[in-house]
């Protein structure tokens, strides 16, 4: 599936950023997009979007847990 391939590429790009590569690039909507540490959050949001599109039961990123008093 195309969505699964894009998700794997995006996750690999995030892994490379986390492990020290200064910039990574992926194909998004037919365009080459580069990410650096400064815009790592944008890449994480893109991964979350792809997980939702792929129907992932438990996307990695969730909002903060709330406290019930």
N, C-alpha and C. Protein backbone atom coordinates (compact mmCIF):
# COMPACT_ATOMS: atom_id res chain seq x y z
N UNK A 1 0.83 -1.19 0.00
CA UNK A 1 0.00 0.00 0.00
C UNK A 1 0.88 1.25 0.00
N UNK A 2 0.43 2.24 -0.69
CA UNK A 2 1.17 3.49 -0.79
C UNK A 2 1.25 4.18 0.56
N UNK A 3 0.15 4.22 1.32
CA UNK A 3 0.14 4.88 2.63
C UNK A 3 1.12 4.20 3.58
N UNK A 4 1.17 2.88 3.55
CA UNK A 4 2.10 2.15 4.42
C UNK A 4 3.55 2.46 4.04
N UNK A 5 3.83 2.56 2.76
CA UNK A 5 5.18 2.89 2.30
C UNK A 5 5.57 4.29 2.76
N UNK A 6 4.66 5.25 2.60
CA UNK A 6 4.94 6.62 3.04
C UNK A 6 5.16 6.67 4.55
N UNK A 7 4.38 5.90 5.29
CA UNK A 7 4.52 5.86 6.74
C UNK A 7 5.88 5.30 7.13
N UNK A 8 6.30 4.22 6.50
CA UNK A 8 7.61 3.63 6.80
C UNK A 8 8.74 4.60 6.46
N UNK A 9 8.64 5.29 5.32
CA UNK A 9 9.66 6.26 4.94
C UNK A 9 9.73 7.40 5.95
N UNK A 10 8.58 7.89 6.39
CA UNK A 10 8.55 8.98 7.35
C UNK A 10 9.12 8.54 8.69
N UNK A 11 8.78 7.33 9.13
CA UNK A 11 9.33 6.82 10.39
C UNK A 11 10.84 6.66 10.30
N UNK A 12 11.33 6.19 9.16
CA UNK A 12 12.78 6.04 8.97
C UNK A 12 13.45 7.40 9.00
N UNK A 13 12.83 8.39 8.37
CA UNK A 13 13.39 9.75 8.38
C UNK A 13 13.46 10.29 9.80
N UNK A 14 12.42 10.06 10.60
CA UNK A 14 12.43 10.51 11.99
C UNK A 14 13.53 9.79 12.77
N UNK A 15 13.69 8.52 12.53
CA UNK A 15 14.76 7.75 13.19
C UNK A 15 16.13 8.36 12.88
N UNK A 16 16.34 8.70 11.61
CA UNK A 16 17.62 9.29 11.23
C UNK A 16 17.84 10.63 11.92
N UNK A 17 16.79 11.45 12.04
CA UNK A 17 16.93 12.72 12.75
C UNK A 17 17.27 12.50 14.21
N UNK A 18 16.58 11.57 14.83
CA UNK A 18 16.80 11.30 16.25
C UNK A 18 18.20 10.78 16.50
N UNK A 19 18.72 10.01 15.57
CA UNK A 19 20.04 9.41 15.76
C UNK A 19 21.18 10.27 15.23
N UNK A 20 20.86 11.54 14.90
CA UNK A 20 21.93 12.48 14.63
C UNK A 20 22.12 12.97 13.21
N UNK A 21 21.41 12.45 12.24
CA UNK A 21 21.56 12.99 10.89
C UNK A 21 20.96 14.39 10.88
N UNK A 22 21.66 15.34 10.30
CA UNK A 22 21.24 16.74 10.40
C UNK A 22 19.98 17.05 9.60
N UNK A 23 19.83 16.48 8.42
CA UNK A 23 18.62 16.68 7.62
C UNK A 23 18.24 15.36 6.95
N UNK A 24 16.95 15.22 6.69
CA UNK A 24 16.45 14.06 5.96
C UNK A 24 15.43 14.56 4.95
N UNK A 25 15.18 13.79 3.91
CA UNK A 25 14.18 14.19 2.93
C UNK A 25 13.28 13.01 2.63
N UNK A 26 12.00 13.34 2.34
CA UNK A 26 11.01 12.34 1.96
C UNK A 26 10.20 12.89 0.80
N UNK A 27 9.46 12.02 0.13
CA UNK A 27 8.54 12.43 -0.91
C UNK A 27 7.18 12.65 -0.25
N UNK A 28 6.58 13.82 -0.47
CA UNK A 28 5.26 14.12 0.09
C UNK A 28 4.45 14.83 -0.98
N UNK A 29 3.34 14.24 -1.36
CA UNK A 29 2.47 14.81 -2.39
C UNK A 29 3.23 15.09 -3.69
N UNK A 30 4.13 14.19 -4.05
CA UNK A 30 4.88 14.32 -5.28
C UNK A 30 6.03 15.31 -5.22
N UNK A 31 6.31 15.84 -4.03
CA UNK A 31 7.40 16.80 -3.88
C UNK A 31 8.40 16.29 -2.86
N UNK A 32 9.63 16.68 -3.03
CA UNK A 32 10.68 16.33 -2.07
C UNK A 32 10.64 17.36 -0.94
N UNK A 33 10.51 16.87 0.29
CA UNK A 33 10.44 17.74 1.46
C UNK A 33 11.60 17.38 2.38
N UNK A 34 12.33 18.40 2.84
CA UNK A 34 13.44 18.18 3.76
C UNK A 34 13.05 18.60 5.17
N UNK A 35 13.51 17.80 6.12
CA UNK A 35 13.27 18.08 7.53
C UNK A 35 14.61 18.16 8.24
N UNK A 36 14.68 19.03 9.23
CA UNK A 36 15.86 19.15 10.08
C UNK A 36 15.38 19.09 11.53
N UNK A 37 16.31 19.07 12.47
CA UNK A 37 15.93 19.03 13.88
C UNK A 37 14.97 20.16 14.22
N UNK A 38 15.16 21.31 13.61
CA UNK A 38 14.32 22.47 13.92
C UNK A 38 12.85 22.25 13.58
N UNK A 39 12.56 21.41 12.59
CA UNK A 39 11.16 21.16 12.24
C UNK A 39 10.78 19.69 12.42
N UNK A 40 11.41 19.06 13.39
CA UNK A 40 11.12 17.66 13.70
C UNK A 40 9.65 17.49 14.09
N UNK A 41 9.07 18.47 14.77
CA UNK A 41 7.66 18.39 15.15
C UNK A 41 6.75 18.26 13.94
N UNK A 42 7.09 18.95 12.85
CA UNK A 42 6.30 18.84 11.62
C UNK A 42 6.35 17.42 11.07
N UNK A 43 7.50 16.80 11.12
CA UNK A 43 7.64 15.42 10.67
C UNK A 43 6.82 14.48 11.56
N UNK A 44 6.85 14.71 12.86
CA UNK A 44 6.05 13.88 13.77
C UNK A 44 4.55 14.03 13.50
N UNK A 45 4.11 15.26 13.20
CA UNK A 45 2.70 15.48 12.86
C UNK A 45 2.34 14.75 11.57
N UNK A 46 3.26 14.77 10.59
CA UNK A 46 3.03 14.08 9.32
C UNK A 46 2.91 12.58 9.55
N UNK A 47 3.76 12.03 10.40
CA UNK A 47 3.70 10.61 10.73
C UNK A 47 2.36 10.29 11.38
N UNK A 48 1.92 11.13 12.30
CA UNK A 48 0.64 10.91 12.97
C UNK A 48 -0.50 10.93 11.96
N UNK A 49 -0.47 11.86 11.01
CA UNK A 49 -1.48 11.93 9.96
C UNK A 49 -1.49 10.64 9.14
N UNK A 50 -0.30 10.15 8.77
CA UNK A 50 -0.22 8.91 7.99
C UNK A 50 -0.73 7.72 8.79
N UNK A 51 -0.47 7.70 10.09
CA UNK A 51 -0.97 6.61 10.93
C UNK A 51 -2.49 6.61 10.96
N UNK A 52 -3.08 7.79 11.05
CA UNK A 52 -4.54 7.88 11.03
C UNK A 52 -5.09 7.42 9.68
N UNK A 53 -4.45 7.87 8.59
CA UNK A 53 -4.88 7.46 7.25
C UNK A 53 -4.76 5.96 7.06
N UNK A 54 -3.72 5.37 7.64
CA UNK A 54 -3.50 3.93 7.50
C UNK A 54 -4.40 3.12 8.43
N UNK A 55 -5.13 3.81 9.30
CA UNK A 55 -6.03 3.12 10.21
C UNK A 55 -5.31 2.47 11.38
N UNK A 56 -4.17 3.04 11.75
CA UNK A 56 -3.43 2.49 12.90
C UNK A 56 -4.32 2.58 14.13
N UNK A 57 -4.44 1.47 14.84
CA UNK A 57 -5.30 1.42 16.02
C UNK A 57 -4.79 2.32 17.13
N UNK A 58 -3.48 2.39 17.29
CA UNK A 58 -2.88 3.18 18.35
C UNK A 58 -1.79 4.08 17.79
N UNK A 59 -2.14 5.26 17.29
CA UNK A 59 -1.08 6.15 16.81
C UNK A 59 -0.09 6.45 17.92
N UNK A 60 1.17 6.63 17.57
CA UNK A 60 2.23 6.85 18.55
C UNK A 60 2.00 8.08 19.40
N UNK A 61 1.60 9.17 18.78
CA UNK A 61 1.51 10.44 19.48
C UNK A 61 0.10 10.65 20.02
N UNK A 62 0.02 10.97 21.28
CA UNK A 62 -1.25 11.27 21.91
C UNK A 62 -1.13 12.58 22.66
N UNK A 63 -2.25 13.17 22.95
CA UNK A 63 -2.25 14.39 23.75
C UNK A 63 -1.87 14.07 25.18
N UNK A 64 -1.63 15.09 25.99
CA UNK A 64 -1.25 14.86 27.38
C UNK A 64 -2.39 14.21 28.15
N UNK A 65 -2.02 13.37 29.10
CA UNK A 65 -3.01 12.72 29.94
C UNK A 65 -3.62 13.75 30.89
N UNK A 66 -4.89 13.65 31.11
CA UNK A 66 -5.53 14.60 32.03
C UNK A 66 -5.59 13.99 33.43
N UNK A 67 -5.64 14.86 34.42
CA UNK A 67 -5.67 14.44 35.81
C UNK A 67 -7.08 14.66 36.33
N UNK A 68 -7.63 13.64 36.93
CA UNK A 68 -8.96 13.76 37.52
C UNK A 68 -8.77 13.96 39.01
N UNK A 69 -9.27 15.08 39.51
CA UNK A 69 -9.09 15.40 40.93
C UNK A 69 -10.26 14.95 41.75
